[in-house]
Amino acid sequence: MNPIVCRLIPPGEMDLMGRIAGLRLVARYASWQHTAFDVHSSAHISVYGLGR
């Protein structure tokens, strides 16, 4: 097996990669229970869709 290289990225970088891929941000949550994402959130669930 080969080693897997992972790194954490902030939401803004994720949004940029989405835009480059032709996607747009539809929603962002702090948890799978759809709690609001804010500056105190330690994780994010970002939902992207096809850009228009």
N, C-alpha and C. Protein backbone atom coordinates (compact mmCIF):
# COMPACT_ATOMS: atom_id res chain seq x y z
N MET A 1 0.83 -1.18 0.00
CA MET A 1 0.00 0.00 0.00
C MET A 1 0.88 1.25 0.00
N ASN A 2 0.43 2.26 -0.68
CA ASN A 2 1.14 3.54 -0.71
C ASN A 2 0.64 4.43 0.41
N PRO A 3 1.49 5.30 0.94
CA PRO A 3 1.02 6.23 1.95
C PRO A 3 0.04 7.23 1.34
N ILE A 4 -0.92 7.65 2.12
CA ILE A 4 -1.90 8.63 1.68
C ILE A 4 -1.53 9.97 2.31
N VAL A 5 -1.41 10.99 1.48
CA VAL A 5 -1.07 12.32 1.97
C VAL A 5 -2.36 13.13 2.04
N CYS A 6 -2.68 13.65 3.20
CA CYS A 6 -3.88 14.46 3.40
C CYS A 6 -3.49 15.77 4.05
N ARG A 7 -4.29 16.79 3.80
CA ARG A 7 -4.12 18.04 4.52
C ARG A 7 -5.48 18.68 4.70
N LEU A 8 -5.61 19.46 5.74
CA LEU A 8 -6.85 20.17 6.01
C LEU A 8 -6.87 21.46 5.20
N ILE A 9 -8.03 21.83 4.70
CA ILE A 9 -8.15 23.10 3.98
C ILE A 9 -9.29 23.91 4.59
N PRO A 10 -9.15 25.22 4.59
CA PRO A 10 -10.20 26.08 5.11
C PRO A 10 -11.36 26.17 4.11
N PRO A 11 -12.54 26.55 4.57
CA PRO A 11 -13.70 26.65 3.67
C PRO A 11 -13.46 27.54 2.45
N GLY A 12 -12.73 28.64 2.63
CA GLY A 12 -12.48 29.54 1.49
C GLY A 12 -11.69 28.86 0.38
N GLU A 13 -10.73 28.02 0.75
CA GLU A 13 -9.96 27.30 -0.26
C GLU A 13 -10.83 26.26 -0.95
N MET A 14 -11.71 25.61 -0.18
CA MET A 14 -12.65 24.65 -0.76
C MET A 14 -13.57 25.35 -1.77
N ASP A 15 -14.04 26.56 -1.41
CA ASP A 15 -14.90 27.32 -2.31
C ASP A 15 -14.18 27.67 -3.61
N LEU A 16 -12.91 28.06 -3.50
CA LEU A 16 -12.13 28.39 -4.69
C LEU A 16 -11.99 27.17 -5.60
N MET A 17 -11.68 26.02 -5.03
CA MET A 17 -11.56 24.81 -5.85
C MET A 17 -12.89 24.47 -6.51
N GLY A 18 -13.99 24.69 -5.79
CA GLY A 18 -15.31 24.46 -6.37
C GLY A 18 -15.57 25.38 -7.55
N ARG A 19 -15.26 26.68 -7.38
CA ARG A 19 -15.47 27.63 -8.48
C ARG A 19 -14.64 27.26 -9.69
N ILE A 20 -13.39 26.86 -9.47
CA ILE A 20 -12.51 26.46 -10.58
C ILE A 20 -13.11 25.26 -11.31
N ALA A 21 -13.79 24.39 -10.57
CA ALA A 21 -14.42 23.20 -11.17
C ALA A 21 -15.80 23.49 -11.75
N GLY A 22 -16.24 24.76 -11.67
CA GLY A 22 -17.54 25.12 -12.23
C GLY A 22 -18.70 24.90 -11.27
N LEU A 23 -18.43 24.81 -9.97
CA LEU A 23 -19.48 24.58 -8.98
C LEU A 23 -19.70 25.85 -8.18
N ARG A 24 -20.86 25.93 -7.53
CA ARG A 24 -21.15 27.06 -6.65
C ARG A 24 -21.59 26.53 -5.29
N LEU A 25 -21.30 27.29 -4.26
CA LEU A 25 -21.69 26.92 -2.91
C LEU A 25 -23.20 27.04 -2.77
N VAL A 26 -23.85 25.98 -2.35
CA VAL A 26 -25.31 25.98 -2.14
C VAL A 26 -25.62 26.18 -0.66
N ALA A 27 -24.88 25.52 0.23
CA ALA A 27 -25.11 25.64 1.68
C ALA A 27 -23.86 25.23 2.42
N ARG A 28 -23.72 25.74 3.65
CA ARG A 28 -22.61 25.33 4.51
C ARG A 28 -23.14 25.21 5.93
N TYR A 29 -22.82 24.08 6.56
CA TYR A 29 -23.27 23.79 7.91
C TYR A 29 -22.07 23.45 8.79
N ALA A 30 -22.29 23.52 10.11
CA ALA A 30 -21.23 23.16 11.06
C ALA A 30 -21.30 21.68 11.44
N SER A 31 -22.41 21.01 11.11
CA SER A 31 -22.56 19.59 11.45
C SER A 31 -23.57 18.95 10.50
N TRP A 32 -23.66 17.64 10.59
CA TRP A 32 -24.63 16.90 9.77
C TRP A 32 -26.06 17.19 10.20
N GLN A 33 -26.24 17.81 11.38
CA GLN A 33 -27.57 18.18 11.85
C GLN A 33 -27.98 19.57 11.35
N HIS A 34 -27.20 20.13 10.43
CA HIS A 34 -27.46 21.43 9.79
C HIS A 34 -27.40 22.60 10.76
N THR A 35 -26.56 22.49 11.80
CA THR A 35 -26.36 23.64 12.67
C THR A 35 -25.60 24.72 11.92
N ALA A 36 -25.82 25.96 12.32
CA ALA A 36 -25.24 27.10 11.61
C ALA A 36 -23.71 27.07 11.69
N PHE A 37 -23.08 27.40 10.58
CA PHE A 37 -21.62 27.51 10.51
C PHE A 37 -21.24 28.93 10.90
N ASP A 38 -20.30 29.10 11.83
CA ASP A 38 -19.83 30.42 12.21
C ASP A 38 -18.34 30.36 12.54
N VAL A 39 -17.79 31.46 13.03
CA VAL A 39 -16.35 31.53 13.29
C VAL A 39 -15.90 30.56 14.38
N HIS A 40 -16.82 30.06 15.20
CA HIS A 40 -16.48 29.13 16.27
C HIS A 40 -16.60 27.66 15.85
N SER A 41 -17.05 27.41 14.63
CA SER A 41 -17.23 26.04 14.15
C SER A 41 -15.88 25.37 13.96
N SER A 42 -15.79 24.11 14.37
CA SER A 42 -14.53 23.38 14.22
C SER A 42 -14.52 22.48 12.98
N ALA A 43 -15.66 22.40 12.30
CA ALA A 43 -15.77 21.59 11.08
C ALA A 43 -16.79 22.25 10.16
N HIS A 44 -16.81 21.81 8.91
CA HIS A 44 -17.83 22.33 8.00
C HIS A 44 -18.29 21.26 7.05
N ILE A 45 -19.56 21.32 6.73
CA ILE A 45 -20.17 20.49 5.69
C ILE A 45 -20.55 21.48 4.60
N SER A 46 -19.90 21.40 3.46
CA SER A 46 -20.16 22.31 2.36
C SER A 46 -20.85 21.56 1.24
N VAL A 47 -21.94 22.15 0.74
CA VAL A 47 -22.73 21.53 -0.33
C VAL A 47 -22.57 22.40 -1.57
N TYR A 48 -22.15 21.77 -2.66
CA TYR A 48 -21.93 22.49 -3.91
C TYR A 48 -22.84 21.95 -5.00
N GLY A 49 -23.16 22.80 -5.95
CA GLY A 49 -23.98 22.39 -7.09
C GLY A 49 -23.41 23.01 -8.35
N LEU A 50 -24.01 22.68 -9.47
CA LEU A 50 -23.56 23.23 -10.74
C LEU A 50 -23.79 24.73 -10.78
N GLY A 51 -22.78 25.48 -11.20
CA GLY A 51 -22.88 26.93 -11.26
C GLY A 51 -23.79 27.39 -12.37
N ARG A 52 -24.36 28.55 -12.18
CA ARG A 52 -25.23 29.17 -13.22
C ARG A 52 -24.90 30.60 -13.37
